[in-house]
C-alpha atoms as a PDB file:
ATOM      1  CA  MET A   1      25.958 -28.381  21.798  1.00  0.00           C
ATOM      2  CA  ILE A   2      23.041 -26.103  20.969  1.00  0.00           C
ATOM      3  CA  PRO A   3      24.005 -22.408  20.828  1.00  0.00           C
ATOM      4  CA  ARG A   4      22.189 -20.337  23.420  1.00  0.00           C
ATOM      5  CA  LEU A   5      20.778 -16.992  22.272  1.00  0.00           C
ATOM      6  CA  GLU A   6      20.218 -13.959  24.485  1.00  0.00           C
ATOM      7  CA  TRP A   7      19.429 -10.340  23.803  1.00  0.00           C
ATOM      8  CA  ILE A   8      22.192  -7.823  24.444  1.00  0.00           C
ATOM      9  CA  ILE A   9      20.941  -5.546  27.223  1.00  0.00           C
ATOM     10  CA  CYS A  10      21.661  -1.813  27.234  1.00  0.00           C
ATOM     11  CA  PRO A  11      24.030  -1.023  30.137  1.00  0.00           C
ATOM     12  CA  ILE A  12      22.429   2.417  30.620  1.00  0.00           C
ATOM     13  CA  CYS A  13      18.661   1.769  30.649  1.00  0.00           C
ATOM     14  CA  SER A  14      18.615  -2.069  30.998  1.00  0.00           C
ATOM     15  CA  ASN A  15      16.321  -2.611  28.019  1.00  0.00           C
ATOM     16  CA  LYS A  16      16.773  -5.043  25.151  1.00  0.00           C
ATOM     17  CA  THR A  17      18.659  -3.782  22.110  1.00  0.00           C
ATOM     18  CA  ARG A  18      18.178  -5.047  18.559  1.00  0.00           C
ATOM     19  CA  LEU A  19      21.103  -7.453  18.825  1.00  0.00           C
ATOM     20  CA  LYS A  20      21.409 -11.017  20.054  1.00  0.00           C
ATOM     21  CA  MET A  21      24.498 -12.853  21.216  1.00  0.00           C
ATOM     22  CA  ARG A  22      25.325 -16.535  21.242  1.00  0.00           C
ATOM     23  CA  ASN A  23      27.465 -18.300  23.819  1.00  0.00           C
ATOM     24  CA  ASP A  24      30.422 -18.246  21.382  1.00  0.00           C
ATOM     25  CA  THR A  25      30.087 -14.528  20.494  1.00  0.00           C
ATOM     26  CA  ILE A  26      33.172 -12.375  21.041  1.00  0.00           C
ATOM     27  CA  LEU A  27      33.010  -8.589  20.574  1.00  0.00           C
ATOM     28  CA  LYS A  28      35.785  -6.069  21.243  1.00  0.00           C
ATOM     29  CA  ASN A  29      35.272  -2.294  21.266  1.00  0.00           C
ATOM     30  CA  PHE A  30      31.752  -2.672  19.917  1.00  0.00           C
ATOM     31  CA  PRO A  31      29.656   0.531  19.738  1.00  0.00           C
ATOM     32  CA  LEU A  32      26.283  -0.580  21.100  1.00  0.00           C
ATOM     33  CA  TYR A  33      23.359   1.723  20.257  1.00  0.00           C
ATOM     34  CA  CYS A  34      20.158   1.569  22.278  1.00  0.00           C
ATOM     35  CA  PRO A  35      16.989   2.571  20.373  1.00  0.00           C
ATOM     36  CA  LYS A  36      15.103   3.244  23.620  1.00  0.00           C
ATOM     37  CA  CYS A  37      17.446   5.679  25.398  1.00  0.00           C
ATOM     38  CA  LYS A  38      19.226   6.708  22.166  1.00  0.00           C
ATOM     39  CA  LYS A  39      22.678   6.416  23.760  1.00  0.00           C
ATOM     40  CA  GLU A  40      25.764   4.658  22.498  1.00  0.00           C
ATOM     41  CA  SER A  41      28.273   2.833  24.673  1.00  0.00           C
ATOM     42  CA  LEU A  42      31.389   0.783  23.986  1.00  0.00           C
ATOM     43  CA  ILE A  43      31.153  -2.810  25.161  1.00  0.00           C
ATOM     44  CA  GLU A  44      33.084  -6.069  25.110  1.00  0.00           C
ATOM     45  CA  VAL A  45      31.342  -9.441  25.059  1.00  0.00           C
ATOM     46  CA  LYS A  46      32.958 -12.763  25.890  1.00  0.00           C
ATOM     47  CA  ASN A  47      31.312 -15.929  27.268  1.00  0.00           C
ATOM     48  CA  MET A  48      27.904 -14.180  27.438  1.00  0.00           C
ATOM     49  CA  LYS A  49      29.344 -11.518  29.800  1.00  0.00           C
ATOM     50  CA  ILE A  50      28.997  -7.846  28.840  1.00  0.00           C
ATOM     51  CA  LYS A  51      31.683  -5.425  30.002  1.00  0.00           C
ATOM     52  CA  ILE A  52      31.375  -1.647  29.583  1.00  0.00           C
ATOM     53  CA  ILE A  53      34.490   0.137  28.340  1.00  0.00           C
ATOM     54  CA  LYS A  54      34.974   3.565  29.880  1.00  0.00           C
ATOM     55  CA  GLU A  55      36.292   6.112  27.401  1.00  0.00           C
ATOM     56  CA  PRO A  56      38.832   8.619  28.713  1.00  0.00           C
ATOM     57  CA  ASP A  57      37.644  12.213  28.665  1.00  0.00           C
ATOM     58  CA  ALA A  58      39.331  14.304  25.994  1.00  0.00           C
END
């Protein structure tokens, strides 16, 4: 099986980030930084699906 590569897309501005994911990539509580909108968001990646983690307000 050939690993499929895709760019990780920023959940805020929908642009490509500097990171790629493969179909076997698993990330938990990953701080994703977007160079375009200059925002950081926590994400989880599993089976090429990106899920945004909402942080509770302090």
